[in-house]
N, C-alpha and C. Protein backbone atom coordinates (compact mmCIF):
# COMPACT_ATOMS: atom_id res chain seq x y z
N MET A 1 7.07 24.30 -107.84
CA MET A 1 6.82 23.44 -106.69
C MET A 1 5.83 24.15 -105.77
N PRO A 2 4.71 23.51 -105.41
CA PRO A 2 3.74 24.14 -104.53
C PRO A 2 4.36 24.47 -103.17
N ALA A 3 4.05 25.66 -102.68
CA ALA A 3 4.66 26.13 -101.43
C ALA A 3 4.23 25.33 -100.21
N ALA A 4 3.05 24.72 -100.24
CA ALA A 4 2.52 24.04 -99.07
C ALA A 4 3.23 22.71 -98.80
N PHE A 5 4.00 22.21 -99.75
CA PHE A 5 4.67 20.93 -99.59
C PHE A 5 6.17 21.13 -99.64
N PRO A 6 6.87 20.85 -98.54
CA PRO A 6 8.32 20.96 -98.59
C PRO A 6 8.90 19.89 -99.50
N ALA A 7 10.02 20.18 -100.11
CA ALA A 7 10.67 19.20 -100.97
C ALA A 7 11.04 17.97 -100.15
N PHE A 8 10.87 16.81 -100.74
CA PHE A 8 11.20 15.56 -100.07
C PHE A 8 12.70 15.48 -99.91
N ARG A 9 13.16 15.29 -98.68
CA ARG A 9 14.59 15.23 -98.39
C ARG A 9 15.01 13.79 -98.15
N LEU A 10 16.24 13.51 -98.56
CA LEU A 10 16.81 12.19 -98.31
C LEU A 10 16.77 11.93 -96.81
N GLY A 11 16.35 10.77 -96.42
CA GLY A 11 16.24 10.45 -95.00
C GLY A 11 14.80 10.54 -94.52
N ASN A 12 13.97 11.31 -95.23
CA ASN A 12 12.55 11.34 -94.89
C ASN A 12 11.94 9.99 -95.23
N VAL A 13 10.87 9.70 -94.58
CA VAL A 13 10.18 8.45 -94.83
C VAL A 13 8.91 8.79 -95.60
N LEU A 14 8.80 8.28 -96.79
CA LEU A 14 7.69 8.60 -97.67
C LEU A 14 6.34 8.31 -97.02
N ALA A 15 6.21 7.15 -96.39
CA ALA A 15 4.92 6.76 -95.82
C ALA A 15 4.47 7.70 -94.71
N THR A 16 5.36 8.03 -93.78
CA THR A 16 4.94 8.92 -92.69
C THR A 16 4.84 10.36 -93.17
N SER A 17 5.61 10.74 -94.19
CA SER A 17 5.43 12.06 -94.78
C SER A 17 4.05 12.15 -95.41
N PHE A 18 3.60 11.07 -96.00
CA PHE A 18 2.26 11.05 -96.61
C PHE A 18 1.18 11.18 -95.54
N THR A 19 1.36 10.54 -94.40
CA THR A 19 0.35 10.68 -93.35
C THR A 19 0.28 12.11 -92.83
N ALA A 20 1.34 12.88 -93.02
CA ALA A 20 1.36 14.28 -92.58
C ALA A 20 0.56 15.19 -93.51
N THR A 21 -0.10 14.62 -94.52
CA THR A 21 -0.99 15.45 -95.34
C THR A 21 -2.32 15.71 -94.63
N LEU A 22 -2.48 15.14 -93.45
CA LEU A 22 -3.56 15.52 -92.53
C LEU A 22 -2.87 15.87 -91.22
N THR A 23 -2.89 17.14 -90.86
CA THR A 23 -2.18 17.58 -89.66
C THR A 23 -3.14 17.97 -88.56
N GLU A 24 -2.59 18.08 -87.37
CA GLU A 24 -3.37 18.43 -86.18
C GLU A 24 -4.56 17.48 -86.01
N ARG A 25 -4.29 16.20 -86.11
CA ARG A 25 -5.33 15.16 -86.04
C ARG A 25 -6.16 15.22 -84.76
N CYS A 26 -5.56 15.65 -83.66
CA CYS A 26 -6.27 15.69 -82.37
C CYS A 26 -6.67 17.11 -82.00
N GLY A 27 -6.57 18.03 -82.91
CA GLY A 27 -6.95 19.42 -82.70
C GLY A 27 -7.91 19.83 -83.81
N ASN A 28 -7.62 20.94 -84.44
CA ASN A 28 -8.38 21.38 -85.62
C ASN A 28 -7.71 20.80 -86.85
N ALA A 29 -8.14 19.61 -87.25
CA ALA A 29 -7.49 18.90 -88.35
C ALA A 29 -7.44 19.75 -89.61
N LEU A 30 -6.30 19.68 -90.30
CA LEU A 30 -6.10 20.43 -91.53
C LEU A 30 -5.77 19.45 -92.64
N GLU A 31 -6.65 19.37 -93.63
CA GLU A 31 -6.48 18.50 -94.79
C GLU A 31 -5.59 19.20 -95.80
N ARG A 32 -4.44 18.62 -96.10
CA ARG A 32 -3.50 19.24 -97.03
C ARG A 32 -3.63 18.71 -98.46
N ILE A 33 -4.45 17.70 -98.67
CA ILE A 33 -4.75 17.23 -100.03
C ILE A 33 -6.27 17.25 -100.21
N PRO A 34 -6.88 18.45 -100.21
CA PRO A 34 -8.35 18.54 -100.29
C PRO A 34 -8.90 18.28 -101.69
N THR A 35 -8.05 18.35 -102.71
CA THR A 35 -8.52 18.18 -104.09
C THR A 35 -7.59 17.22 -104.82
N PRO A 36 -8.07 16.64 -105.92
CA PRO A 36 -7.18 15.78 -106.72
C PRO A 36 -5.90 16.50 -107.16
N GLN A 37 -6.00 17.78 -107.51
CA GLN A 37 -4.81 18.52 -107.95
C GLN A 37 -3.78 18.62 -106.83
N ARG A 38 -4.22 18.80 -105.61
CA ARG A 38 -3.28 18.89 -104.49
C ARG A 38 -2.56 17.56 -104.27
N LEU A 39 -3.26 16.44 -104.50
CA LEU A 39 -2.58 15.14 -104.42
C LEU A 39 -1.54 15.02 -105.53
N ILE A 40 -1.90 15.44 -106.75
CA ILE A 40 -0.94 15.42 -107.86
C ILE A 40 0.30 16.23 -107.48
N ASP A 41 0.08 17.42 -106.90
CA ASP A 41 1.20 18.28 -106.50
C ASP A 41 2.08 17.59 -105.45
N TRP A 42 1.44 16.99 -104.43
CA TRP A 42 2.22 16.32 -103.37
C TRP A 42 3.03 15.17 -103.95
N LEU A 43 2.42 14.37 -104.80
CA LEU A 43 3.13 13.24 -105.40
C LEU A 43 4.31 13.72 -106.24
N GLU A 44 4.12 14.78 -107.00
CA GLU A 44 5.21 15.30 -107.84
C GLU A 44 6.38 15.78 -106.98
N VAL A 45 6.10 16.52 -105.93
CA VAL A 45 7.15 17.02 -105.04
C VAL A 45 7.94 15.87 -104.44
N ASN A 46 7.29 14.73 -104.25
CA ASN A 46 7.92 13.58 -103.62
C ASN A 46 8.39 12.53 -104.62
N GLY A 47 8.60 12.95 -105.86
CA GLY A 47 9.20 12.09 -106.87
C GLY A 47 8.28 11.02 -107.44
N LEU A 48 6.97 11.23 -107.33
CA LEU A 48 6.00 10.25 -107.82
C LEU A 48 4.98 10.93 -108.76
N ALA A 49 5.48 11.64 -109.75
CA ALA A 49 4.61 12.39 -110.64
C ALA A 49 3.62 11.47 -111.37
N VAL A 50 2.36 11.90 -111.38
CA VAL A 50 1.30 11.16 -112.07
C VAL A 50 0.66 12.07 -113.11
N ASP A 51 0.00 11.46 -114.08
CA ASP A 51 -0.61 12.21 -115.19
C ASP A 51 -1.90 12.93 -114.78
N SER A 52 -2.69 12.28 -113.93
CA SER A 52 -3.98 12.86 -113.54
C SER A 52 -4.47 12.17 -112.27
N CYS A 53 -5.54 12.72 -111.71
CA CYS A 53 -6.11 12.14 -110.49
C CYS A 53 -7.61 12.43 -110.47
N THR A 54 -8.37 11.41 -110.19
CA THR A 54 -9.83 11.57 -110.07
C THR A 54 -10.20 11.70 -108.60
N ARG A 55 -11.43 12.06 -108.34
CA ARG A 55 -11.92 12.14 -106.96
C ARG A 55 -11.87 10.75 -106.32
N ALA A 56 -12.17 9.70 -107.07
CA ALA A 56 -12.13 8.33 -106.53
C ALA A 56 -10.69 7.95 -106.15
N GLN A 57 -9.72 8.35 -106.97
CA GLN A 57 -8.32 8.06 -106.64
C GLN A 57 -7.87 8.85 -105.41
N LEU A 58 -8.36 10.07 -105.26
CA LEU A 58 -8.07 10.85 -104.06
C LEU A 58 -8.62 10.13 -102.83
N ASP A 59 -9.81 9.56 -102.95
CA ASP A 59 -10.40 8.80 -101.85
C ASP A 59 -9.53 7.58 -101.51
N LEU A 60 -9.02 6.89 -102.53
CA LEU A 60 -8.12 5.75 -102.30
C LEU A 60 -6.86 6.20 -101.56
N ALA A 61 -6.33 7.35 -101.96
CA ALA A 61 -5.12 7.87 -101.33
C ALA A 61 -5.38 8.20 -99.86
N ARG A 62 -6.49 8.85 -99.58
CA ARG A 62 -6.81 9.19 -98.19
C ARG A 62 -7.05 7.93 -97.35
N GLU A 63 -7.68 6.93 -97.96
CA GLU A 63 -7.90 5.67 -97.24
C GLU A 63 -6.56 5.02 -96.90
N LEU A 64 -5.62 5.05 -97.85
CA LEU A 64 -4.28 4.50 -97.59
C LEU A 64 -3.59 5.32 -96.50
N ARG A 65 -3.68 6.63 -96.59
CA ARG A 65 -3.04 7.50 -95.60
C ARG A 65 -3.52 7.16 -94.19
N GLU A 66 -4.83 7.03 -94.03
CA GLU A 66 -5.37 6.74 -92.70
C GLU A 66 -5.03 5.33 -92.24
N SER A 67 -4.91 4.40 -93.17
CA SER A 67 -4.50 3.04 -92.82
C SER A 67 -3.05 3.00 -92.37
N ILE A 68 -2.19 3.74 -93.07
CA ILE A 68 -0.79 3.81 -92.66
C ILE A 68 -0.70 4.45 -91.29
N HIS A 69 -1.44 5.52 -91.07
CA HIS A 69 -1.40 6.19 -89.77
C HIS A 69 -1.86 5.23 -88.66
N ALA A 70 -2.94 4.50 -88.90
CA ALA A 70 -3.45 3.56 -87.88
C ALA A 70 -2.42 2.46 -87.58
N ALA A 71 -1.83 1.89 -88.63
CA ALA A 71 -0.86 0.81 -88.44
C ALA A 71 0.43 1.34 -87.80
N ALA A 72 0.90 2.50 -88.23
CA ALA A 72 2.12 3.07 -87.66
C ALA A 72 1.91 3.45 -86.19
N THR A 73 0.74 3.98 -85.88
CA THR A 73 0.43 4.34 -84.49
C THR A 73 0.43 3.08 -83.62
N ALA A 74 -0.23 2.03 -84.10
CA ALA A 74 -0.26 0.77 -83.35
C ALA A 74 1.15 0.23 -83.14
N ALA A 75 1.96 0.26 -84.20
CA ALA A 75 3.33 -0.24 -84.09
C ALA A 75 4.14 0.61 -83.12
N ALA A 76 3.94 1.93 -83.13
CA ALA A 76 4.70 2.82 -82.25
C ALA A 76 4.40 2.58 -80.78
N ILE A 77 3.16 2.19 -80.47
CA ILE A 77 2.81 1.97 -79.06
C ILE A 77 2.76 0.49 -78.69
N GLY A 78 3.21 -0.37 -79.61
CA GLY A 78 3.32 -1.80 -79.31
C GLY A 78 2.02 -2.56 -79.30
N GLU A 79 1.03 -2.08 -80.03
CA GLU A 79 -0.25 -2.79 -80.11
C GLU A 79 -0.31 -3.60 -81.40
N ASP A 80 -1.29 -4.52 -81.46
CA ASP A 80 -1.52 -5.28 -82.69
C ASP A 80 -1.96 -4.33 -83.80
N LEU A 81 -1.51 -4.61 -85.00
CA LEU A 81 -1.89 -3.78 -86.14
C LEU A 81 -3.36 -4.02 -86.48
N PRO A 82 -4.11 -2.96 -86.76
CA PRO A 82 -5.52 -3.13 -87.15
C PRO A 82 -5.62 -3.93 -88.45
N GLU A 83 -6.44 -4.97 -88.44
CA GLU A 83 -6.56 -5.84 -89.62
C GLU A 83 -6.99 -5.07 -90.86
N SER A 84 -7.94 -4.16 -90.72
CA SER A 84 -8.42 -3.42 -91.89
C SER A 84 -7.31 -2.54 -92.46
N ALA A 85 -6.48 -1.96 -91.61
CA ALA A 85 -5.37 -1.14 -92.09
C ALA A 85 -4.35 -1.99 -92.83
N VAL A 86 -4.03 -3.14 -92.29
CA VAL A 86 -3.08 -4.05 -92.94
C VAL A 86 -3.62 -4.47 -94.31
N ARG A 87 -4.90 -4.80 -94.38
CA ARG A 87 -5.51 -5.21 -95.66
C ARG A 87 -5.40 -4.10 -96.71
N ILE A 88 -5.72 -2.87 -96.32
CA ILE A 88 -5.68 -1.75 -97.27
C ILE A 88 -4.24 -1.47 -97.71
N ILE A 89 -3.30 -1.47 -96.79
CA ILE A 89 -1.89 -1.24 -97.15
C ILE A 89 -1.42 -2.32 -98.12
N ASN A 90 -1.72 -3.58 -97.82
CA ASN A 90 -1.32 -4.68 -98.70
C ASN A 90 -1.98 -4.56 -100.07
N ASP A 91 -3.28 -4.25 -100.09
CA ASP A 91 -3.99 -4.11 -101.37
C ASP A 91 -3.37 -3.01 -102.23
N ARG A 92 -3.08 -1.87 -101.64
CA ARG A 92 -2.50 -0.76 -102.41
C ARG A 92 -1.09 -1.11 -102.88
N SER A 93 -0.36 -1.86 -102.07
CA SER A 93 1.00 -2.23 -102.44
C SER A 93 1.03 -3.07 -103.71
N VAL A 94 0.10 -3.99 -103.86
CA VAL A 94 0.13 -4.90 -105.02
C VAL A 94 -0.64 -4.37 -106.22
N GLN A 95 -1.39 -3.29 -106.06
CA GLN A 95 -2.22 -2.80 -107.17
C GLN A 95 -1.50 -1.87 -108.13
N GLY A 96 -0.29 -1.47 -107.82
CA GLY A 96 0.41 -0.53 -108.69
C GLY A 96 1.55 -1.17 -109.45
N ARG A 97 2.04 -0.41 -110.42
CA ARG A 97 3.19 -0.85 -111.21
C ARG A 97 4.27 0.23 -111.07
N ALA A 98 5.27 -0.08 -110.28
CA ALA A 98 6.37 0.86 -110.08
C ALA A 98 7.65 0.08 -109.89
N ALA A 99 8.74 0.69 -110.28
CA ALA A 99 10.04 0.04 -110.12
C ALA A 99 11.06 1.06 -109.62
N ALA A 100 11.94 0.61 -108.77
CA ALA A 100 13.05 1.47 -108.32
C ALA A 100 14.07 1.52 -109.44
N VAL A 101 14.56 2.73 -109.73
CA VAL A 101 15.59 2.90 -110.76
C VAL A 101 16.71 3.76 -110.17
N LEU A 102 17.90 3.57 -110.72
CA LEU A 102 19.08 4.30 -110.27
C LEU A 102 19.36 5.43 -111.26
N THR A 103 19.57 6.64 -110.74
CA THR A 103 19.90 7.78 -111.61
C THR A 103 21.40 7.82 -111.84
N PRO A 104 21.86 8.55 -112.86
CA PRO A 104 23.31 8.69 -113.08
C PRO A 104 24.04 9.31 -111.89
N GLU A 105 23.33 10.06 -111.04
CA GLU A 105 23.92 10.67 -109.85
C GLU A 105 23.99 9.69 -108.68
N GLY A 106 23.48 8.49 -108.88
CA GLY A 106 23.52 7.49 -107.82
C GLY A 106 22.34 7.55 -106.87
N ASP A 107 21.28 8.26 -107.24
CA ASP A 107 20.08 8.37 -106.42
C ASP A 107 19.05 7.32 -106.83
N ARG A 108 18.24 6.92 -105.86
CA ARG A 108 17.13 6.01 -106.14
C ARG A 108 15.90 6.84 -106.47
N ARG A 109 15.25 6.52 -107.56
CA ARG A 109 14.00 7.17 -107.97
C ARG A 109 13.00 6.07 -108.31
N TRP A 110 11.76 6.48 -108.40
CA TRP A 110 10.71 5.53 -108.77
C TRP A 110 10.25 5.80 -110.18
N ARG A 111 10.13 4.74 -110.96
CA ARG A 111 9.54 4.83 -112.29
C ARG A 111 8.18 4.17 -112.19
N LEU A 112 7.15 4.97 -112.43
CA LEU A 112 5.79 4.45 -112.35
C LEU A 112 5.41 3.77 -113.65
N GLY A 113 4.24 3.13 -113.66
CA GLY A 113 3.75 2.45 -114.84
C GLY A 113 3.66 3.38 -116.04
N PRO A 114 3.41 2.83 -117.23
CA PRO A 114 3.43 3.63 -118.46
C PRO A 114 2.49 4.84 -118.43
N ALA A 115 1.33 4.73 -117.82
CA ALA A 115 0.39 5.85 -117.80
C ALA A 115 0.50 6.68 -116.52
N SER A 116 1.46 6.37 -115.65
CA SER A 116 1.66 7.10 -114.39
C SER A 116 0.37 7.32 -113.64
N ARG A 117 -0.20 6.23 -113.19
CA ARG A 117 -1.47 6.28 -112.47
C ARG A 117 -1.24 6.55 -110.99
N VAL A 118 -2.25 7.12 -110.34
CA VAL A 118 -2.20 7.36 -108.90
C VAL A 118 -1.99 6.04 -108.17
N GLU A 119 -2.61 4.97 -108.65
CA GLU A 119 -2.45 3.66 -108.00
C GLU A 119 -0.99 3.21 -107.98
N ASP A 120 -0.25 3.56 -109.02
CA ASP A 120 1.18 3.21 -109.06
C ASP A 120 1.93 3.96 -107.97
N ALA A 121 1.64 5.25 -107.80
CA ALA A 121 2.28 6.04 -106.75
C ALA A 121 1.89 5.53 -105.37
N LEU A 122 0.63 5.17 -105.19
CA LEU A 122 0.18 4.66 -103.89
C LEU A 122 0.86 3.34 -103.55
N SER A 123 1.18 2.53 -104.57
CA SER A 123 1.86 1.27 -104.29
C SER A 123 3.25 1.51 -103.73
N VAL A 124 3.93 2.56 -104.18
CA VAL A 124 5.25 2.92 -103.66
C VAL A 124 5.13 3.34 -102.20
N ILE A 125 4.14 4.18 -101.91
CA ILE A 125 3.92 4.64 -100.54
C ILE A 125 3.58 3.47 -99.62
N ALA A 126 2.70 2.58 -100.10
CA ALA A 126 2.32 1.41 -99.30
C ALA A 126 3.53 0.50 -99.05
N ALA A 127 4.36 0.30 -100.06
CA ALA A 127 5.56 -0.53 -99.89
C ALA A 127 6.51 0.09 -98.87
N ASP A 128 6.63 1.42 -98.88
CA ASP A 128 7.46 2.09 -97.90
C ASP A 128 6.89 1.88 -96.49
N ALA A 129 5.57 1.97 -96.36
CA ALA A 129 4.93 1.74 -95.06
C ALA A 129 5.20 0.32 -94.57
N ILE A 130 5.10 -0.64 -95.46
CA ILE A 130 5.36 -2.03 -95.09
C ILE A 130 6.80 -2.16 -94.57
N GLY A 131 7.74 -1.54 -95.25
CA GLY A 131 9.14 -1.63 -94.83
C GLY A 131 9.39 -1.04 -93.45
N ILE A 132 8.79 0.12 -93.17
CA ILE A 132 9.06 0.72 -91.85
C ILE A 132 8.30 0.01 -90.74
N ILE A 133 7.07 -0.39 -91.01
CA ILE A 133 6.29 -1.06 -89.96
C ILE A 133 6.87 -2.45 -89.67
N ALA A 134 7.39 -3.10 -90.69
CA ALA A 134 8.00 -4.43 -90.52
C ALA A 134 9.39 -4.35 -89.89
N GLY A 135 9.90 -3.15 -89.68
CA GLY A 135 11.20 -3.00 -89.03
C GLY A 135 12.38 -3.20 -89.95
N GLU A 136 12.20 -3.03 -91.26
CA GLU A 136 13.27 -3.26 -92.22
C GLU A 136 14.22 -2.08 -92.37
N ARG A 137 13.87 -0.93 -91.80
CA ARG A 137 14.73 0.25 -91.90
C ARG A 137 15.28 0.60 -90.54
N ASP A 138 16.43 1.25 -90.54
CA ASP A 138 17.09 1.63 -89.30
C ASP A 138 16.41 2.86 -88.71
N GLY A 139 15.70 2.67 -87.61
CA GLY A 139 14.97 3.73 -86.95
C GLY A 139 13.83 3.12 -86.16
N ARG A 140 12.98 3.99 -85.60
CA ARG A 140 11.83 3.48 -84.86
C ARG A 140 10.63 4.37 -85.10
N LEU A 141 9.46 3.77 -85.07
CA LEU A 141 8.22 4.54 -85.17
C LEU A 141 7.93 5.17 -83.82
N ALA A 142 7.48 6.41 -83.84
CA ALA A 142 7.13 7.14 -82.62
C ALA A 142 5.93 8.03 -82.92
N LEU A 143 5.34 8.56 -81.86
CA LEU A 143 4.22 9.48 -82.01
C LEU A 143 4.66 10.86 -81.53
N CYS A 144 4.23 11.88 -82.25
CA CYS A 144 4.56 13.26 -81.90
C CYS A 144 4.03 13.57 -80.49
N ALA A 145 4.85 14.24 -79.70
CA ALA A 145 4.48 14.58 -78.32
C ALA A 145 3.47 15.72 -78.24
N SER A 146 3.20 16.39 -79.34
CA SER A 146 2.21 17.46 -79.32
C SER A 146 0.83 16.86 -79.11
N PRO A 147 0.09 17.33 -78.09
CA PRO A 147 -1.22 16.75 -77.81
C PRO A 147 -2.25 16.99 -78.92
N THR A 148 -2.04 17.99 -79.77
CA THR A 148 -2.98 18.22 -80.86
C THR A 148 -2.56 17.53 -82.15
N CYS A 149 -1.33 17.08 -82.22
CA CYS A 149 -0.82 16.45 -83.44
C CYS A 149 -0.90 14.93 -83.38
N ARG A 150 -0.06 14.33 -82.55
CA ARG A 150 0.04 12.87 -82.39
C ARG A 150 0.30 12.12 -83.69
N ALA A 151 1.02 12.78 -84.60
CA ALA A 151 1.37 12.14 -85.87
C ALA A 151 2.38 11.03 -85.63
N ALA A 152 2.27 9.97 -86.40
CA ALA A 152 3.28 8.92 -86.38
C ALA A 152 4.44 9.40 -87.25
N PHE A 153 5.66 9.23 -86.75
CA PHE A 153 6.83 9.59 -87.54
C PHE A 153 7.90 8.53 -87.33
N PHE A 154 8.88 8.52 -88.21
CA PHE A 154 9.95 7.54 -88.16
C PHE A 154 11.20 8.23 -87.65
N ASP A 155 11.62 7.86 -86.46
CA ASP A 155 12.75 8.50 -85.78
C ASP A 155 14.05 7.82 -86.20
N THR A 156 14.86 8.57 -86.94
CA THR A 156 16.17 8.05 -87.35
C THR A 156 17.30 8.78 -86.63
N SER A 157 16.96 9.55 -85.59
CA SER A 157 18.01 10.24 -84.84
C SER A 157 18.92 9.21 -84.18
N GLN A 158 20.13 9.61 -83.88
CA GLN A 158 21.11 8.67 -83.33
C GLN A 158 20.61 8.04 -82.02
N SER A 159 19.99 8.84 -81.16
CA SER A 159 19.55 8.32 -79.86
C SER A 159 18.14 7.71 -79.90
N ARG A 160 17.42 7.92 -81.00
CA ARG A 160 16.03 7.44 -81.16
C ARG A 160 15.11 8.01 -80.06
N THR A 161 15.34 9.27 -79.69
CA THR A 161 14.54 9.90 -78.63
C THR A 161 13.83 11.16 -79.12
N ARG A 162 13.72 11.32 -80.41
CA ARG A 162 13.04 12.50 -80.95
C ARG A 162 11.61 12.56 -80.43
N LYS A 163 11.11 13.76 -80.09
CA LYS A 163 9.78 13.91 -79.51
C LYS A 163 8.75 14.46 -80.48
N TRP A 164 9.19 15.17 -81.51
CA TRP A 164 8.26 15.89 -82.37
C TRP A 164 8.31 15.35 -83.79
N CYS A 165 7.19 15.34 -84.46
CA CYS A 165 7.18 14.93 -85.87
C CYS A 165 8.00 15.90 -86.69
N ASP A 166 7.95 17.19 -86.32
CA ASP A 166 8.71 18.22 -87.02
C ASP A 166 9.06 19.32 -86.02
N MET A 167 10.32 19.55 -85.83
CA MET A 167 10.76 20.56 -84.87
C MET A 167 10.30 21.96 -85.27
N ASN A 168 10.22 22.21 -86.58
CA ASN A 168 9.84 23.54 -87.06
C ASN A 168 8.37 23.86 -86.84
N THR A 169 7.55 22.87 -86.61
CA THR A 169 6.13 23.14 -86.36
C THR A 169 5.78 22.73 -84.94
N CYS A 170 5.59 21.47 -84.71
CA CYS A 170 5.15 21.00 -83.39
C CYS A 170 6.15 21.31 -82.29
N GLY A 171 7.42 21.09 -82.54
CA GLY A 171 8.43 21.34 -81.52
C GLY A 171 8.49 22.81 -81.13
N ASN A 172 8.54 23.68 -82.13
CA ASN A 172 8.59 25.11 -81.84
C ASN A 172 7.31 25.58 -81.16
N ARG A 173 6.17 25.07 -81.59
CA ARG A 173 4.89 25.44 -80.98
C ARG A 173 4.87 25.07 -79.50
N GLN A 174 5.36 23.88 -79.17
CA GLN A 174 5.37 23.44 -77.78
C GLN A 174 6.38 24.23 -76.95
N LYS A 175 7.54 24.52 -77.53
CA LYS A 175 8.54 25.33 -76.81
C LYS A 175 8.00 26.74 -76.56
N LYS A 176 7.32 27.31 -77.54
CA LYS A 176 6.74 28.65 -77.39
C LYS A 176 5.66 28.65 -76.31
N ALA A 177 4.83 27.62 -76.28
CA ALA A 177 3.78 27.52 -75.26
C ALA A 177 4.39 27.42 -73.86
N ARG A 178 5.46 26.62 -73.73
CA ARG A 178 6.14 26.51 -72.43
C ARG A 178 6.76 27.84 -72.02
N PHE A 179 7.40 28.52 -72.98
CA PHE A 179 8.01 29.82 -72.70
C PHE A 179 6.96 30.82 -72.23
N ASN A 180 5.83 30.88 -72.94
CA ASN A 180 4.76 31.82 -72.56
C ASN A 180 4.16 31.48 -71.21
N ALA A 181 4.00 30.19 -70.93
CA ALA A 181 3.46 29.77 -69.62
C ALA A 181 4.41 30.17 -68.51
N ASN A 182 5.71 29.97 -68.72
CA ASN A 182 6.71 30.36 -67.71
C ASN A 182 6.73 31.87 -67.53
N ARG A 183 6.61 32.59 -68.62
CA ARG A 183 6.60 34.05 -68.54
C ARG A 183 5.38 34.55 -67.77
N ARG A 184 4.21 33.95 -68.04
CA ARG A 184 3.00 34.32 -67.29
C ARG A 184 3.16 33.97 -65.81
N LYS A 185 3.71 32.79 -65.55
CA LYS A 185 3.91 32.35 -64.16
C LYS A 185 4.88 33.29 -63.45
N ASN A 186 5.98 33.61 -64.10
CA ASN A 186 6.98 34.51 -63.49
C ASN A 186 6.43 35.93 -63.35
N GLY A 187 5.62 36.36 -64.31
CA GLY A 187 5.00 37.68 -64.20
C GLY A 187 4.02 37.75 -63.07
N THR A 188 3.23 36.69 -62.88
CA THR A 188 2.29 36.62 -61.77
C THR A 188 3.03 36.58 -60.45
N ALA A 189 4.10 35.81 -60.39
CA ALA A 189 4.90 35.71 -59.17
C ALA A 189 5.51 37.05 -58.82
N ALA A 190 6.00 37.80 -59.82
CA ALA A 190 6.61 39.11 -59.56
C ALA A 190 5.58 40.11 -59.06
N ARG A 191 4.34 40.08 -59.64
CA ARG A 191 3.30 41.02 -59.22
C ARG A 191 2.78 40.72 -57.83
N THR A 192 2.76 39.44 -57.44
CA THR A 192 2.24 39.08 -56.12
C THR A 192 3.33 38.97 -55.08
N GLY A 193 4.58 39.10 -55.49
CA GLY A 193 5.68 39.01 -54.54
C GLY A 193 6.07 37.60 -54.20
N ILE A 194 5.52 36.63 -54.96
CA ILE A 194 5.85 35.21 -54.73
C ILE A 194 7.06 34.87 -55.59
N ALA A 195 8.03 34.24 -55.00
CA ALA A 195 9.24 33.88 -55.75
C ALA A 195 9.22 32.44 -56.14
């Protein structure tokens, strides 16, 4: 399993996890699927193993990712969904061949088409995006409070007040920045005698 991709956990939302393959969107953006092989790796970690990936299929995946991000962002802030994003999500949803299957352990998995094409995996991701944006799942779309991230995420916390796309990255980074700012402020106050 590639180290750069955490294992997909039950409760995660496939569509918003996919949009997280581009991080720090409002800062120094980091592309986490820069090559076709990296997309293959991400899909495999998330239960959507494919046989191969071309540069053109990688472009289709990135186009879907950005469309999901645009539509999820609009939904999170209560704006109309961008027509071009809706068109791309719908197109990718119907272009693949995938079926939900039940494992002997009682888990839901995806069985892709016979040749396990990237388009089949993208149709699963697009269908997941449709479900969350349409409000079919229990939770709410939100935007990360980090000013450099602003990733759309699906909040399934009990109170629906989660602030960060990921507490281990954005949340900790923001808490550390606040701690350091307070420490500098308190250090300055102590040196100048200001309380």
